[in-house]
Amino acid sequence: MNKTLEGVPIVSRQALAGLCLGFIALSTPVFAQCDPGEILIRFSHVTAETGHPKGEAALLLQTRVNEEMDGRACMEVYPRSQLFNDDDVLPAMLRGEVEMAAPSLSKFGAYTPQLQVFDLPFLFEDILAVEEFQNSDAGQELKESMVDDGLLGLEFWHNGMKQLSANVPLVDPADADGLKFRVQRSAVLMAQIEALGGEPFPMAFSAVFDALQSGDVDGQANTWSNIYTQGFHTVQDGVTETNHGIVDYLVVTSVEWWEGLQPDIREDLAQILLEVTHERNRFAFELGELNKIRVRQEGATIRILDDNEREAWVSALAPVYDQFRDEIGADLIQAAQAAEGGI
């Protein structure tokens, strides 16, 4: 069946490379030159500025804001942790030092336990199931789950499904026993590694490559786009295609800054962000598939689990649900499990 994401067909692999290469070529960085009197919007993120779903989305948002809101607002985008990393950006936002960001959903655990639902293992079949849940009433309500702490979610941005890598082959869950894995600072993600007998090691995204290269950590879990653009595959034994989780982002701002905007500014900015979200989310899957091809072409081993091997990983990580069900909310977990995928 030819499934679609936001109405766009999932294309064949042959068409994929041409589509994404053309897409990336149009994404040359545009650096803002803000004029006096314009509202400055600083957008901080941690990934590559081109060739990565978040970087591409941020560039398009910057371009459209600076063209369509010229004279009223001006956006400056800071990629690759040039302004803040994802661990520091939310406190900085509450201090008024940055206006917008798109941290990984795993970074919000200190502000709301509900967003931890996205960290549960093997919850979503694919990115279409993620899309369906995020667009549901339960998913949309999550955007306002942090307003009491001063943060407001605006839009979800896709990256893709997570794969697992290490400095040794990973086929059976027992292969992870005793290994040290870099994780995001999420209790659910740390519990996953512990369930496998490994040691979780929270670390900023910008530090992961050096830690893998030096052997300070043995492995990591990430999307094809993150793996390729950061070069993680070049310092690992290979990548196991587990599709066991997701890396998605929430475009976030402070309640105080957002509500302080003039209504017309806020409405125009929200509309541009909505349109950018729809356009760039359509390409997140294709871009991830292209980066998977690039990882293979650069000589990395990609291991595909058969049904029995995959079921072993599902079973090994199942106890994580019992550990966090009450904290996250059984109803919310059930709503996520009900989302249908099927790329």
Protein backbone atom coordinates (compact mmCIF):
# COMPACT_ATOMS: atom_id res chain seq x y z
CA MET A 1 0.00 0.00 0.00
CA ASN A 2 1.27 3.48 -0.85
CA LYS A 3 0.93 5.24 2.50
CA THR A 4 1.29 8.99 2.81
CA LEU A 5 2.58 11.46 5.38
CA GLU A 6 0.65 14.73 5.45
CA GLY A 7 -0.75 13.83 2.04
CA VAL A 8 2.63 13.23 0.39
CA PRO A 9 3.32 9.71 -1.00
CA ILE A 10 6.20 7.74 0.44
CA VAL A 11 8.40 7.64 -2.64
CA SER A 12 10.53 4.83 -4.00
CA ARG A 13 14.19 4.59 -3.07
CA GLN A 14 15.21 5.49 -6.62
CA ALA A 15 13.25 8.72 -6.48
CA LEU A 16 14.28 9.35 -2.92
CA ALA A 17 17.84 10.46 -3.52
CA GLY A 18 16.90 12.97 -6.20
CA LEU A 19 14.06 14.38 -4.11
CA CYS A 20 16.15 14.88 -0.99
CA LEU A 21 19.27 16.12 -2.75
CA GLY A 22 17.22 18.78 -4.47
CA PHE A 23 15.52 19.59 -1.20
CA ILE A 24 18.84 20.06 0.59
CA ALA A 25 20.31 22.11 -2.24
CA LEU A 26 17.55 24.65 -1.81
CA SER A 27 18.35 24.97 1.88
CA THR A 28 21.39 27.24 1.77
CA PRO A 29 21.67 29.06 5.11
CA VAL A 30 20.30 32.60 5.14
CA PHE A 31 21.76 34.72 7.90
CA ALA A 32 19.50 37.38 9.32
CA GLN A 33 20.33 41.07 9.36
CA CYS A 34 17.93 42.49 11.90
CA ASP A 35 16.95 46.12 11.69
CA PRO A 36 16.33 48.43 14.65
CA GLY A 37 12.75 48.19 15.83
CA GLU A 38 12.19 44.61 14.68
CA ILE A 39 11.27 41.97 17.27
CA LEU A 40 14.30 39.72 17.60
CA ILE A 41 13.53 35.98 17.63
CA ARG A 42 16.56 33.88 18.52
CA PHE A 43 16.07 30.21 17.58
CA SER A 44 18.52 27.77 19.14
CA HIS A 45 19.06 24.15 18.18
CA VAL A 46 21.78 21.49 18.36
CA THR A 47 21.82 19.74 14.98
CA ALA A 48 23.43 20.39 11.61
CA GLU A 49 21.93 23.34 9.78
CA THR A 50 21.50 21.45 6.48
CA GLY A 51 20.81 17.83 5.65
CA HIS A 52 19.01 17.30 8.95
CA PRO A 53 15.21 17.55 9.47
CA LYS A 54 15.42 20.05 12.33
CA GLY A 55 18.12 22.15 10.73
CA GLU A 56 16.22 22.33 7.44
CA ALA A 57 12.98 23.27 9.20
CA ALA A 58 14.69 25.99 11.21
CA LEU A 59 16.25 27.46 8.06
CA LEU A 60 12.93 27.58 6.25
CA LEU A 61 11.26 29.15 9.28
CA GLN A 62 13.98 31.81 9.43
CA THR A 63 13.69 32.57 5.73
CA ARG A 64 9.92 32.90 5.78
CA VAL A 65 9.79 35.00 8.95
CA ASN A 66 12.45 37.38 7.67
CA GLU A 67 10.76 37.74 4.28
CA GLU A 68 7.10 37.87 5.31
CA MET A 69 7.46 39.75 8.59
CA ASP A 70 10.17 42.15 7.40
CA GLY A 71 10.10 45.34 9.42
CA ARG A 72 8.13 43.71 12.25
CA ALA A 73 10.13 40.64 13.30
CA CYS A 74 13.53 39.13 12.60
CA MET A 75 14.72 35.57 13.30
CA GLU A 76 18.29 34.47 13.93
CA VAL A 77 18.97 30.70 13.92
CA TYR A 78 21.86 29.24 15.93
CA PRO A 79 22.57 25.58 14.95
CA ARG A 80 25.02 23.05 16.40
CA SER A 81 24.67 24.32 20.01
CA GLN A 82 26.21 27.67 19.03
CA LEU A 83 23.91 29.44 21.49
CA PHE A 84 22.74 26.74 23.91
CA ASN A 85 22.63 22.97 24.03
CA ASP A 86 19.34 21.21 24.68
CA ASP A 87 20.12 20.78 28.38
CA ASP A 88 20.56 24.53 28.89
CA VAL A 89 18.13 26.07 26.43
CA LEU A 90 14.91 25.76 28.45
CA PRO A 91 16.25 27.51 31.59
CA ALA A 92 17.76 30.13 29.26
CA MET A 93 14.37 30.59 27.61
CA LEU A 94 12.72 31.20 30.96
CA ARG A 95 15.41 33.81 31.66
CA GLY A 96 14.61 35.57 28.38
CA GLU A 97 17.95 34.73 26.72
CA VAL A 98 16.40 32.92 23.73
CA GLU A 99 12.92 33.11 22.25
CA MET A 100 12.39 29.79 20.46
CA ALA A 101 13.95 26.34 20.37
CA ALA A 102 13.10 22.79 19.34
CA PRO A 103 14.56 20.41 21.92
CA SER A 104 14.10 16.70 21.69
CA LEU A 105 10.93 15.52 23.41
CA SER A 106 13.18 13.68 25.87
CA LYS A 107 14.39 17.00 27.28
CA PHE A 108 11.10 18.01 28.91
CA GLY A 109 10.97 15.45 31.71
CA ALA A 110 11.84 18.04 34.36
CA TYR A 111 8.78 20.10 33.38
CA THR A 112 6.13 17.44 32.71
CA PRO A 113 6.07 13.65 33.09
CA GLN A 114 3.53 13.32 30.29
CA LEU A 115 5.98 14.00 27.45
CA GLN A 116 7.94 10.97 28.63
CA VAL A 117 5.37 8.92 26.73
CA PHE A 118 7.48 9.51 23.61
CA ASP A 119 10.46 7.80 25.28
CA LEU A 120 8.71 4.47 25.86
CA PRO A 121 10.27 1.62 23.82
CA PHE A 122 8.49 0.09 20.84
CA LEU A 123 5.44 2.31 21.40
CA PHE A 124 5.01 3.43 17.78
CA GLU A 125 5.20 1.25 14.69
CA ASP A 126 6.60 4.06 12.55
CA ILE A 127 6.56 7.81 12.00
CA LEU A 128 3.00 7.72 10.66
CA ALA A 129 1.80 6.40 14.02
CA VAL A 130 3.74 9.19 15.74
CA GLU A 131 2.07 11.70 13.42
CA GLU A 132 -1.39 10.33 14.15
CA PHE A 133 -0.92 10.47 17.91
CA GLN A 134 0.59 13.96 17.89
CA ASN A 135 -2.38 15.25 15.87
CA SER A 136 -4.92 13.60 18.20
CA ASP A 137 -6.63 15.49 21.01
CA ALA A 138 -4.38 13.77 23.55
CA GLY A 139 -1.27 14.66 21.58
CA GLN A 140 -2.25 18.29 21.06
CA GLU A 141 -3.00 18.72 24.76
CA LEU A 142 0.62 17.88 25.51
CA LYS A 143 1.68 21.21 24.01
CA GLU A 144 0.18 22.98 27.02
CA SER A 145 1.37 20.52 29.65
CA MET A 146 4.16 22.90 30.79
CA VAL A 147 2.37 26.26 30.90
CA ASP A 148 2.44 26.30 34.70
CA ASP A 149 6.23 26.21 34.43
CA GLY A 150 6.26 29.02 31.86
CA LEU A 151 6.78 26.99 28.67
CA LEU A 152 4.40 26.61 25.71
CA GLY A 153 4.71 24.02 22.98
CA LEU A 154 3.85 25.30 19.51
CA GLU A 155 4.43 22.49 16.97
CA PHE A 156 5.90 18.99 16.78
CA TRP A 157 8.77 18.48 14.36
CA HIS A 158 9.75 15.03 13.11
CA ASN A 159 13.16 13.44 12.91
CA GLY A 160 12.62 9.70 12.81
CA MET A 161 12.82 6.29 14.42
CA LYS A 162 15.77 5.33 16.63
CA GLN A 163 18.44 2.78 15.79
CA LEU A 164 21.02 1.30 18.16
CA SER A 165 24.78 1.14 17.71
CA ALA A 166 27.83 0.17 19.74
CA ASN A 167 31.49 -0.75 19.40
CA VAL A 168 30.41 -4.42 19.26
CA PRO A 169 27.64 -6.08 17.22
CA LEU A 170 24.15 -5.76 18.73
CA VAL A 171 21.76 -8.52 17.69
CA ASP A 172 20.51 -10.03 20.94
CA PRO A 173 19.57 -7.85 23.97
CA ALA A 174 22.31 -9.66 25.93
CA ASP A 175 24.86 -8.04 23.60
CA ALA A 176 24.22 -4.73 25.38
CA ASP A 177 25.02 -6.16 28.81
CA GLY A 178 27.83 -4.25 30.50
CA LEU A 179 28.13 -1.58 27.80
CA LYS A 180 27.97 2.15 28.51
CA PHE A 181 25.42 3.96 26.32
CA ARG A 182 25.03 7.67 25.82
CA VAL A 183 21.44 8.68 26.50
CA GLN A 184 19.52 11.89 26.74
CA ARG A 185 18.74 13.05 30.27
CA SER A 186 15.48 11.09 30.50
CA ALA A 187 14.54 8.68 33.27
CA VAL A 188 12.70 6.47 30.77
CA LEU A 189 15.66 6.25 28.41
CA MET A 190 18.04 5.49 31.26
CA ALA A 191 15.67 2.75 32.46
CA GLN A 192 15.78 1.18 28.97
CA ILE A 193 19.55 0.81 29.08
CA GLU A 194 19.40 -0.55 32.62
CA ALA A 195 16.80 -3.12 31.51
CA LEU A 196 19.35 -4.34 28.95
CA GLY A 197 22.05 -4.64 31.60
CA GLY A 198 23.91 -1.61 30.28
CA GLU A 199 25.05 1.60 31.94
CA PRO A 200 23.25 4.79 30.85
CA PHE A 201 25.42 7.87 30.55
CA PRO A 202 23.56 11.20 30.03
CA MET A 203 25.47 13.50 27.73
CA ALA A 204 24.82 16.55 25.55
CA PHE A 205 24.33 15.78 21.85
CA SER A 206 27.32 17.93 20.87
CA ALA A 207 29.66 15.74 22.95
CA VAL A 208 28.56 12.33 21.66
CA PHE A 209 30.94 11.87 18.72
CA ASP A 210 34.05 12.58 20.76
CA ALA A 211 32.84 10.26 23.53
CA LEU A 212 32.22 7.43 21.06
CA GLN A 213 35.55 8.00 19.34
CA SER A 214 37.50 8.04 22.61
CA GLY A 215 35.67 5.04 24.06
CA ASP A 216 34.27 7.00 26.99
CA VAL A 217 30.94 5.48 25.95
CA ASP A 218 30.41 2.30 23.98
CA GLY A 219 27.19 3.03 22.13
CA GLN A 220 24.21 5.26 21.48
CA ALA A 221 20.66 5.30 20.09
CA ASN A 222 19.65 7.74 17.38
CA THR A 223 17.92 8.33 14.07
CA TRP A 224 19.53 7.80 10.68
CA SER A 225 19.73 11.57 10.18
CA ASN A 226 21.46 12.12 13.52
CA ILE A 227 23.80 9.17 12.96
CA TYR A 228 24.84 10.33 9.49
CA THR A 229 25.13 14.08 10.04
CA GLN A 230 27.16 13.58 13.24
CA GLY A 231 29.29 10.75 11.84
CA PHE A 232 28.44 8.33 14.66
CA HIS A 233 28.60 5.37 12.26
CA THR A 234 32.27 6.06 11.58
CA VAL A 235 33.24 5.26 15.19
CA GLN A 236 30.93 2.28 15.85
CA ASP A 237 31.00 -1.40 14.86
CA GLY A 238 27.73 -0.97 12.96
CA VAL A 239 24.10 0.06 13.39
CA THR A 240 21.24 -2.27 14.32
CA GLU A 241 17.93 -1.21 12.80
CA THR A 242 15.75 -1.58 15.89
CA ASN A 243 13.21 1.22 15.27
CA HIS A 244 12.65 0.96 19.02
CA GLY A 245 11.87 4.61 19.71
CA ILE A 246 11.65 8.06 18.19
CA VAL A 247 13.52 11.33 18.18
CA ASP A 248 11.06 14.13 17.61
CA TYR A 249 11.10 17.74 18.71
CA LEU A 250 8.72 20.27 20.23
CA VAL A 251 9.07 23.84 19.03
CA VAL A 252 8.75 25.71 22.29
CA THR A 253 8.69 29.26 23.58
CA SER A 254 8.09 30.97 26.89
CA VAL A 255 4.52 31.77 27.85
CA GLU A 256 5.57 35.25 28.92
CA TRP A 257 7.24 36.10 25.59
CA TRP A 258 4.48 34.57 23.46
CA GLU A 259 1.66 36.29 25.29
CA GLY A 260 3.61 39.56 25.23
CA LEU A 261 3.57 39.70 21.42
CA GLN A 262 1.05 41.89 19.68
CA PRO A 263 -1.87 39.75 18.43
CA ASP A 264 -1.09 40.27 14.75
CA ILE A 265 2.58 39.36 15.26
CA ARG A 266 1.65 36.24 17.22
CA GLU A 267 -0.95 35.12 14.67
CA ASP A 268 1.34 35.63 11.67
CA LEU A 269 4.24 33.85 13.37
CA ALA A 270 2.01 30.93 14.39
CA GLN A 271 0.67 30.57 10.84
CA ILE A 272 4.15 30.59 9.29
CA LEU A 273 5.33 28.03 11.84
CA LEU A 274 2.33 25.80 11.10
CA GLU A 275 2.99 25.88 7.36
CA VAL A 276 6.73 25.23 7.82
CA THR A 277 5.91 22.31 10.11
CA HIS A 278 3.62 20.70 7.52
CA GLU A 279 6.14 21.19 4.72
CA ARG A 280 9.25 19.97 6.51
CA ASN A 281 7.58 17.09 8.37
CA ARG A 282 6.63 15.62 4.99
CA PHE A 283 10.31 15.18 4.21
CA ALA A 284 11.59 13.85 7.56
CA PHE A 285 11.02 10.20 6.57
CA GLU A 286 12.54 10.61 3.12
CA LEU A 287 15.54 12.46 4.51
CA GLY A 288 16.08 9.74 7.09
CA GLU A 289 15.96 7.06 4.39
CA LEU A 290 18.50 8.97 2.33
CA ASN A 291 20.82 9.25 5.31
CA LYS A 292 20.42 5.52 5.96
CA ILE A 293 21.59 4.92 2.37
CA ARG A 294 24.55 7.24 2.97
CA VAL A 295 25.51 5.38 6.15
CA ARG A 296 25.57 2.11 4.19
CA GLN A 297 27.44 3.66 1.27
CA GLU A 298 30.17 4.85 3.65
CA GLY A 299 30.81 1.23 4.62
CA ALA A 300 28.92 0.88 7.88
CA THR A 301 27.29 -2.47 8.64
CA ILE A 302 23.51 -2.24 9.06
CA ARG A 303 22.02 -5.20 10.89
CA ILE A 304 18.37 -6.08 10.27
CA LEU A 305 16.57 -8.00 13.03
CA ASP A 306 14.34 -10.91 12.08
CA ASP A 307 10.97 -11.32 13.81
CA ASN A 308 12.31 -13.50 16.62
CA GLU A 309 15.27 -11.21 17.28
CA ARG A 310 13.03 -8.16 17.36
CA GLU A 311 10.61 -9.85 19.76
CA ALA A 312 13.52 -10.53 22.12
CA TRP A 313 14.25 -6.78 22.29
CA VAL A 314 10.55 -5.98 22.82
CA SER A 315 10.38 -8.46 25.69
CA ALA A 316 13.60 -7.21 27.27
CA LEU A 317 12.32 -3.63 27.36
CA ALA A 318 8.72 -4.39 28.35
CA PRO A 319 9.34 -3.86 32.11
CA VAL A 320 9.95 -0.16 31.43
CA TYR A 321 6.21 0.29 30.89
CA ASP A 322 5.36 -0.98 34.36
CA GLN A 323 7.98 1.29 35.84
CA PHE A 324 6.52 4.49 34.35
CA ARG A 325 2.86 3.71 33.67
CA ASP A 326 1.50 5.57 36.70
CA GLU A 327 3.84 8.54 36.27
CA ILE A 328 3.08 9.09 32.58
CA GLY A 329 -0.57 8.04 32.74
CA ALA A 330 -2.13 4.79 31.58
CA ASP A 331 -4.75 6.60 29.48
CA LEU A 332 -2.10 8.60 27.64
CA ILE A 333 -0.07 5.46 26.93
CA GLN A 334 -3.19 3.71 25.60
CA ALA A 335 -3.95 6.67 23.34
CA ALA A 336 -0.44 6.45 21.90
CA GLN A 337 -0.67 2.69 21.45
CA ALA A 338 -3.92 3.14 19.53
CA ALA A 339 -2.22 5.23 16.82
CA GLU A 340 -1.94 3.27 13.60
CA GLY A 341 1.12 3.33 11.41
CA GLY A 342 2.08 1.35 8.37
CA ILE A 343 4.70 2.97 6.14
